[in-house]
């Protein structure tokens, strides 16, 4: 049988608003270009 190491219930974790905004802005600035089976990543800032 599996052994339970924690008896406390885990809190549901939610990210901060700043973290979500950072990730969204990063994904908007990231551009991936493909040339002859090669991928190039560039950040448009």
Protein backbone atom coordinates (compact mmCIF):
# COMPACT_ATOMS: atom_id res chain seq x y z
CA UNK A 1 0.00 0.00 0.00
CA UNK A 2 1.08 3.55 -0.62
CA UNK A 3 2.37 5.45 2.36
CA UNK A 4 0.93 8.92 2.92
CA UNK A 5 3.61 11.34 4.10
CA UNK A 6 1.36 14.33 4.50
CA UNK A 7 -1.79 14.47 6.53
CA UNK A 8 -2.49 18.13 5.90
CA UNK A 9 -4.55 19.12 2.92
CA UNK A 10 -2.60 21.05 0.36
CA UNK A 11 -3.63 24.61 -0.39
CA UNK A 12 -4.67 25.39 -3.90
CA UNK A 13 -1.96 27.53 -5.38
CA UNK A 14 -2.75 30.40 -7.68
CA UNK A 15 -0.15 32.55 -9.43
CA UNK A 16 0.19 36.27 -8.84
CA UNK A 17 -1.21 38.66 -11.40
CA UNK A 18 2.31 39.97 -12.10
CA UNK A 19 3.50 36.46 -13.00
CA UNK A 20 0.66 35.94 -15.46
CA UNK A 21 1.29 39.32 -17.08
CA UNK A 22 5.02 38.59 -17.38
CA UNK A 23 4.40 35.26 -19.11
CA UNK A 24 1.82 36.72 -21.48
CA UNK A 25 4.09 39.61 -22.44
CA UNK A 26 7.02 37.24 -22.96
CA UNK A 27 4.98 35.00 -25.24
CA UNK A 28 3.84 38.01 -27.27
CA UNK A 29 7.45 39.16 -27.76
CA UNK A 30 8.80 35.72 -28.72
CA UNK A 31 9.07 34.98 -32.44
CA UNK A 32 10.12 31.61 -33.81
CA UNK A 33 11.30 31.56 -37.43
CA UNK A 34 11.95 28.42 -39.45
CA UNK A 35 14.47 28.25 -42.27
CA UNK A 36 15.40 24.94 -43.93
CA UNK A 37 14.45 22.80 -40.91
CA UNK A 38 16.26 25.15 -38.51
CA UNK A 39 14.35 27.08 -35.87
CA UNK A 40 15.46 30.50 -34.70
CA UNK A 41 14.04 32.12 -31.58
CA UNK A 42 14.16 35.87 -31.15
CA UNK A 43 12.70 38.26 -28.61
CA UNK A 44 11.18 41.34 -30.20
CA UNK A 45 12.05 43.97 -27.58
